[in-house]
Structure formats: structure tokens, C-alpha cells
PDB file of N, CA and C in Angstrom:
ATOM      1  N   MET A   1      15.941  -6.152 -58.301  1.00  0.00           N
ATOM      2  CA  MET A   1      16.882  -6.466 -58.244  1.00  0.00           C
ATOM      3  C   MET A   1      17.157  -6.669 -56.585  1.00  0.00           C
ATOM      4  N   LYS A   2      18.114  -8.001 -56.453  1.00  0.00           N
ATOM      5  CA  LYS A   2      18.565  -8.315 -54.516  1.00  0.00           C
ATOM      6  C   LYS A   2      19.553  -7.088 -54.166  1.00  0.00           C
ATOM      7  N   THR A   3      19.264  -6.467 -52.685  1.00  0.00           N
ATOM      8  CA  THR A   3      20.379  -5.730 -51.970  1.00  0.00           C
ATOM      9  C   THR A   3      21.706  -6.524 -52.476  1.00  0.00           C
ATOM     10  N   SER A   4      21.458  -7.136 -52.173  1.00  0.00           N
ATOM     11  CA  SER A   4      23.449  -7.389 -52.639  1.00  0.00           C
ATOM     12  C   SER A   4      24.045  -7.222 -53.444  1.00  0.00           C
ATOM     13  N   THR A   5      22.757  -7.401 -54.807  1.00  0.00           N
ATOM     14  CA  THR A   5      23.690  -7.139 -55.932  1.00  0.00           C
ATOM     15  C   THR A   5      23.890  -5.393 -55.683  1.00  0.00           C
ATOM     16  N   ILE A   6      23.024  -4.625 -55.894  1.00  0.00           N
ATOM     17  CA  ILE A   6      23.114  -3.368 -55.915  1.00  0.00           C
ATOM     18  C   ILE A   6      24.346  -3.142 -54.601  1.00  0.00           C
ATOM     19  N   LEU A   7      24.268  -3.560 -53.645  1.00  0.00           N
ATOM     20  CA  LEU A   7      25.273  -2.446 -52.408  1.00  0.00           C
ATOM     21  C   LEU A   7      26.820  -3.710 -52.834  1.00  0.00           C
ATOM     22  N   LEU A   8      27.066  -4.389 -54.117  1.00  0.00           N
ATOM     23  CA  LEU A   8      27.866  -4.851 -54.510  1.00  0.00           C
ATOM     24  C   LEU A   8      28.658  -4.241 -55.532  1.00  0.00           C
ATOM     25  N   ILE A   9      27.223  -3.519 -56.254  1.00  0.00           N
ATOM     26  CA  ILE A   9      27.542  -2.638 -57.191  1.00  0.00           C
ATOM     27  C   ILE A   9      27.917  -1.512 -56.470  1.00  0.00           C
ATOM     28  N   ILE A  10      27.688  -0.864 -55.860  1.00  0.00           N
ATOM     29  CA  ILE A  10      28.274   0.477 -54.917  1.00  0.00           C
ATOM     30  C   ILE A  10      29.600   0.084 -54.411  1.00  0.00           C
ATOM     31  N   LEU A  11      29.830  -1.162 -54.463  1.00  0.00           N
ATOM     32  CA  LEU A  11      31.271  -1.125 -53.411  1.00  0.00           C
ATOM     33  C   LEU A  11      32.004  -1.082 -54.741  1.00  0.00           C
ATOM     34  N   GLY A  12      32.218  -1.553 -55.602  1.00  0.00           N
ATOM     35  CA  GLY A  12      33.023  -1.954 -57.063  1.00  0.00           C
ATOM     36  C   GLY A  12      33.220  -0.575 -57.783  1.00  0.00           C
ATOM     37  N   PHE A  13      32.541  -0.009 -57.729  1.00  0.00           N
ATOM     38  CA  PHE A  13      32.320   1.718 -58.315  1.00  0.00           C
ATOM     39  C   PHE A  13      33.212   2.697 -57.639  1.00  0.00           C
ATOM     40  N   MET A  14      32.890   2.187 -56.141  1.00  0.00           N
ATOM     41  CA  MET A  14      33.511   3.087 -54.986  1.00  0.00           C
ATOM     42  C   MET A  14      35.318   2.748 -55.003  1.00  0.00           C
ATOM     43  N   HIS A  15      35.656   1.058 -55.167  1.00  0.00           N
ATOM     44  CA  HIS A  15      36.977   1.241 -55.183  1.00  0.00           C
ATOM     45  C   HIS A  15      37.727   1.638 -56.844  1.00  0.00           C
ATOM     46  N   ALA A  16      36.403   1.433 -57.646  1.00  0.00           N
ATOM     47  CA  ALA A  16      37.285   1.837 -59.389  1.00  0.00           C
ATOM     48  C   ALA A  16      37.402   3.880 -58.968  1.00  0.00           C
ATOM     49  N   LEU A  17      36.571   4.492 -58.129  1.00  0.00           N
ATOM     50  CA  LEU A  17      36.675   5.300 -58.101  1.00  0.00           C
ATOM     51  C   LEU A  17      38.098   5.841 -57.539  1.00  0.00           C
ATOM     52  N   THR A  18      39.308   4.601 -56.567  1.00  0.00           N
ATOM     53  CA  THR A  18      40.146   5.099 -55.623  1.00  0.00           C
ATOM     54  C   THR A  18      41.163   4.531 -56.518  1.00  0.00           C
ATOM     55  N   LEU A  19      40.764   3.448 -57.612  1.00  0.00           N
ATOM     56  CA  LEU A  19      41.845   2.872 -58.248  1.00  0.00           C
ATOM     57  C   LEU A  19      42.361   3.663 -59.060  1.00  0.00           C
ATOM     58  N   ILE A  20      40.950   4.289 -60.146  1.00  0.00           N
ATOM     59  CA  ILE A  20      41.506   5.479 -61.282  1.00  0.00           C
ATOM     60  C   ILE A  20      42.196   6.673 -60.358  1.00  0.00           C
ATOM     61  N   ASN A  21      42.065   6.859 -59.046  1.00  0.00           N
ATOM     62  CA  ASN A  21      42.199   8.392 -58.932  1.00  0.00           C
ATOM     63  C   ASN A  21      44.192   7.952 -58.229  1.00  0.00           C
ATOM     64  N   ILE A  22      44.749   6.477 -58.124  1.00  0.00           N
ATOM     65  CA  ILE A  22      45.463   6.276 -57.870  1.00  0.00           C
ATOM     66  C   ILE A  22      46.305   5.900 -58.735  1.00  0.00           C
ATOM     67  N   LEU A  23      45.681   5.669 -59.979  1.00  0.00           N
ATOM     68  CA  LEU A  23      46.768   5.236 -61.028  1.00  0.00           C
ATOM     69  C   LEU A  23      47.062   6.055 -62.521  1.00  0.00           C
ATOM     70  N   LEU A  24      45.638   7.144 -62.589  1.00  0.00           N
ATOM     71  CA  LEU A  24      45.701   8.152 -63.773  1.00  0.00           C
ATOM     72  C   LEU A  24      46.478   9.086 -62.692  1.00  0.00           C
ATOM     73  N   PHE A  25      45.765   9.519 -61.566  1.00  0.00           N
ATOM     74  CA  PHE A  25      46.231  10.686 -61.140  1.00  0.00           C
ATOM     75  C   PHE A  25      47.095  10.897 -60.010  1.00  0.00           C
ATOM     76  N   GLU A  26      47.486   9.896 -59.285  1.00  0.00           N
ATOM     77  CA  GLU A  26      48.643   9.517 -58.784  1.00  0.00           C
ATOM     78  C   GLU A  26      48.223   9.842 -57.753  1.00  0.00           C
ATOM     79  N   GLY A  27      47.586   9.908 -57.217  1.00  0.00           N
ATOM     80  CA  GLY A  27      46.663  10.528 -55.851  1.00  0.00           C
ATOM     81  C   GLY A  27      46.051  12.191 -55.738  1.00  0.00           C
ATOM     82  N   MET A  28      45.521  12.827 -56.633  1.00  0.00           N
ATOM     83  CA  MET A  28      45.812  14.237 -56.923  1.00  0.00           C
ATOM     84  C   MET A  28      44.382  14.832 -55.907  1.00  0.00           C
ATOM     85  N   PHE A  29      43.452  13.795 -56.665  1.00  0.00           N
ATOM     86  CA  PHE A  29      42.441  13.476 -55.837  1.00  0.00           C
ATOM     87  C   PHE A  29      41.537  12.884 -54.607  1.00  0.00           C
ATOM     88  N   ASN A  30      42.835  12.796 -53.392  1.00  0.00           N
ATOM     89  CA  ASN A  30      42.818  11.863 -52.786  1.00  0.00           C
ATOM     90  C   ASN A  30      41.738  12.440 -51.325  1.00  0.00           C
ATOM     91  N   ASP A  31      41.248  13.533 -51.494  1.00  0.00           N
ATOM     92  CA  ASP A  31      40.215  14.737 -50.724  1.00  0.00           C
ATOM     93  C   ASP A  31      38.920  14.154 -51.165  1.00  0.00           C
ATOM     94  N   ILE A  32      38.807  14.256 -52.473  1.00  0.00           N
ATOM     95  CA  ILE A  32      37.536  14.664 -52.801  1.00  0.00           C
ATOM     96  C   ILE A  32      37.348  13.079 -53.293  1.00  0.00           C
ATOM     97  N   VAL A  33      37.942  12.527 -53.555  1.00  0.00           N
ATOM     98  CA  VAL A  33      37.194  10.347 -53.376  1.00  0.00           C
ATOM     99  C   VAL A  33      37.248  10.225 -52.165  1.00  0.00           C
ATOM    100  N   PHE A  34      37.796  10.378 -51.396  1.00  0.00           N
ATOM    101  CA  PHE A  34      37.342  10.566 -50.364  1.00  0.00           C
ATOM    102  C   PHE A  34      36.410  10.877 -49.590  1.00  0.00           C
ATOM    103  N   PHE A  35      35.733  12.319 -50.565  1.00  0.00           N
ATOM    104  CA  PHE A  35      34.361  12.961 -49.836  1.00  0.00           C
ATOM    105  C   PHE A  35      33.479  12.044 -51.062  1.00  0.00           C
ATOM    106  N   PHE A  36      33.440  11.313 -52.261  1.00  0.00           N
ATOM    107  CA  PHE A  36      32.327  10.926 -52.875  1.00  0.00           C
ATOM    108  C   PHE A  36      32.515  10.081 -52.011  1.00  0.00           C
ATOM    109  N   ASN A  37      33.170   8.674 -51.823  1.00  0.00           N
ATOM    110  CA  ASN A  37      33.061   8.226 -51.202  1.00  0.00           C
ATOM    111  C   ASN A  37      32.356   7.844 -50.069  1.00  0.00           C
ATOM    112  N   THR A  38      33.174   8.495 -49.112  1.00  0.00           N
ATOM    113  CA  THR A  38      31.676   8.506 -47.781  1.00  0.00           C
ATOM    114  C   THR A  38      30.450   8.850 -48.346  1.00  0.00           C
ATOM    115  N   ALA A  39      30.199   9.851 -49.200  1.00  0.00           N
ATOM    116  CA  ALA A  39      28.742  10.324 -49.896  1.00  0.00           C
ATOM    117  C   ALA A  39      27.973   9.001 -50.101  1.00  0.00           C
ATOM    118  N   ILE A  40      28.876   7.804 -50.561  1.00  0.00           N
ATOM    119  CA  ILE A  40      27.866   6.595 -51.682  1.00  0.00           C
ATOM    120  C   ILE A  40      27.857   5.345 -50.412  1.00  0.00           C
ATOM    121  N   PHE A  41      29.207   5.874 -49.533  1.00  0.00           N
ATOM    122  CA  PHE A  41      28.995   5.064 -48.265  1.00  0.00           C
ATOM    123  C   PHE A  41      27.655   5.318 -47.149  1.00  0.00           C
ATOM    124  N   PHE A  42      27.023   6.416 -47.179  1.00  0.00           N
ATOM    125  CA  PHE A  42      26.189   7.077 -46.078  1.00  0.00           C
ATOM    126  C   PHE A  42      25.136   6.380 -47.248  1.00  0.00           C
ATOM    127  N   PHE A  43      25.123   6.813 -48.448  1.00  0.00           N
ATOM    128  CA  PHE A  43      23.757   6.491 -49.382  1.00  0.00           C
ATOM    129  C   PHE A  43      23.170   4.725 -49.412  1.00  0.00           C
ATOM    130  N   ALA A  44      24.721   3.918 -49.811  1.00  0.00           N
ATOM    131  CA  ALA A  44      24.833   2.648 -49.289  1.00  0.00           C
ATOM    132  C   ALA A  44      24.084   1.855 -47.966  1.00  0.00           C
ATOM    133  N   PHE A  45      24.223   2.923 -47.175  1.00  0.00           N
ATOM    134  CA  PHE A  45      23.896   2.574 -45.785  1.00  0.00           C
ATOM    135  C   PHE A  45      22.109   2.717 -45.481  1.00  0.00           C
ATOM    136  N   ALA A  46      21.877   3.794 -46.052  1.00  0.00           N
ATOM    137  CA  ALA A  46      20.461   4.241 -46.087  1.00  0.00           C
ATOM    138  C   ALA A  46      19.684   3.288 -46.913  1.00  0.00           C
ATOM    139  N   PHE A  47      20.514   3.015 -47.550  1.00  0.00           N
ATOM    140  CA  PHE A  47      18.894   1.728 -48.750  1.00  0.00           C
ATOM    141  C   PHE A  47      19.168   0.786 -48.670  1.00  0.00           C
ATOM    142  N   TYR A  48      20.733  -0.091 -47.955  1.00  0.00           N
ATOM    143  CA  TYR A  48      20.602  -0.993 -46.848  1.00  0.00           C
ATOM    144  C   TYR A  48      19.739  -0.616 -45.777  1.00  0.00           C
ATOM    145  N   THR A  49      19.519  -0.477 -45.307  1.00  0.00           N
ATOM    146  CA  THR A  49      18.497   0.058 -43.820  1.00  0.00           C
ATOM    147  C   THR A  49      17.207  -0.140 -44.327  1.00  0.00           C
ATOM    148  N   LYS A  50      17.009   1.137 -44.961  1.00  0.00           N
ATOM    149  CA  LYS A  50      15.153   0.816 -46.083  1.00  0.00           C
ATOM    150  C   LYS A  50      15.042  -0.630 -46.437  1.00  0.00           C
ATOM    151  N   ARG A  51      15.738  -0.817 -46.871  1.00  0.00           N
ATOM    152  CA  ARG A  51      15.292  -2.248 -48.071  1.00  0.00           C
ATOM    153  C   ARG A  51      15.554  -3.260 -46.968  1.00  0.00           C
ATOM    154  N   GLN A  52      15.770  -3.360 -45.728  1.00  0.00           N
ATOM    155  CA  GLN A  52      15.915  -3.859 -44.259  1.00  0.00           C
ATOM    156  C   GLN A  52      14.637  -3.444 -43.076  1.00  0.00           C
ATOM    157  N   GLY A  53      14.417  -2.424 -43.618  1.00  0.00           N
ATOM    158  CA  GLY A  53      13.701  -2.391 -42.334  1.00  0.00           C
ATOM    159  C   GLY A  53      11.902  -2.584 -43.104  1.00  0.00           C
ATOM    160  N   ASN A  54      11.345  -1.872 -44.649  1.00  0.00           N
ATOM    161  CA  ASN A  54      10.134  -2.611 -45.282  1.00  0.00           C
ATOM    162  C   ASN A  54       9.872  -3.756 -45.038  1.00  0.00           C
ATOM    163  N   PRO A  55      10.486  -4.962 -44.988  1.00  0.00           N
ATOM    164  CA  PRO A  55       9.023  -6.213 -44.380  1.00  0.00           C
ATOM    165  C   PRO A  55       8.827  -6.572 -43.099  1.00  0.00           C
ATOM    166  N   LYS A  56       9.689  -5.825 -42.561  1.00  0.00           N
ATOM    167  CA  LYS A  56       9.538  -5.874 -40.833  1.00  0.00           C
ATOM    168  C   LYS A  56       7.926  -5.404 -40.674  1.00  0.00           C
ATOM    169  N   LYS A  57       8.624  -4.144 -41.360  1.00  0.00           N
ATOM    170  CA  LYS A  57       7.462  -3.038 -40.856  1.00  0.00           C
ATOM    171  C   LYS A  57       5.981  -3.394 -41.486  1.00  0.00           C
ATOM    172  N   SER A  58       6.011  -4.394 -42.524  1.00  0.00           N
ATOM    173  CA  SER A  58       4.864  -4.729 -43.315  1.00  0.00           C
ATOM    174  C   SER A  58       4.000  -5.321 -42.343  1.00  0.00           C
ATOM    175  N   ALA A  59       5.357  -6.560 -42.382  1.00  0.00           N
ATOM    176  CA  ALA A  59       4.588  -7.571 -41.262  1.00  0.00           C
ATOM    177  C   ALA A  59       3.843  -7.423 -39.858  1.00  0.00           C
ATOM    178  N   ASP A  60       4.510  -6.340 -39.129  1.00  0.00           N
ATOM    179  CA  ASP A  60       3.847  -6.156 -38.201  1.00  0.00           C
ATOM    180  C   ASP A  60       2.211  -5.646 -38.334  1.00  0.00           C
ATOM    181  N   LEU A  61       2.614  -5.002 -39.403  1.00  0.00           N
ATOM    182  CA  LEU A  61       1.057  -4.177 -40.113  1.00  0.00           C
ATOM    183  C   LEU A  61       0.002  -5.431 -39.766  1.00  0.00           C
ATOM    184  N   ASN A  62       0.752  -6.402 -40.219  1.00  0.00           N
ATOM    185  CA  ASN A  62      -0.674  -7.400 -40.868  1.00  0.00           C
ATOM    186  C   ASN A  62      -1.148  -8.111 -39.476  1.00  0.00           C
ATOM    187  N   ASP A  63      -0.231  -8.335 -38.819  1.00  0.00           N
ATOM    188  CA  ASP A  63      -0.642  -8.570 -37.608  1.00  0.00           C
ATOM    189  C   ASP A  63      -1.636  -8.624 -36.392  1.00  0.00           C
TER     190      ASP A  63
END
């Protein structure tokens, strides 16, 4: 699966989590949603960094 597709799915999940909190729970769980969104963001950032770093490293090793 392409990196952009995975990152788009993660972004959609973060927005859905926030939307559910606002509409269904009237913002009762803002701190928990903020925590999960931050954790998901760091996961996505690490995933993107790892995915972008792999082709460059393997290309350097082959030269």
C-alpha cells in the first residue's frame, strides 16, 4: 500500500475520532482524544520517516 494512502487513512481516523467526540459526547473526552490524536500523529510521522528513509539507504549501499 502506498505511503500516501496509509497517511490519508490515519488522518481520516483522527478526524473521525474528533468528530465523534464533538457530536456524540459533546466534547467530554477532549483530553483523551487529544492524547490519542497526538499518539497517532507521532506514529504516522515515524512511519513516514521510516518509509522515506529506506530507499535512500538501500540506494547508498548499492553504489
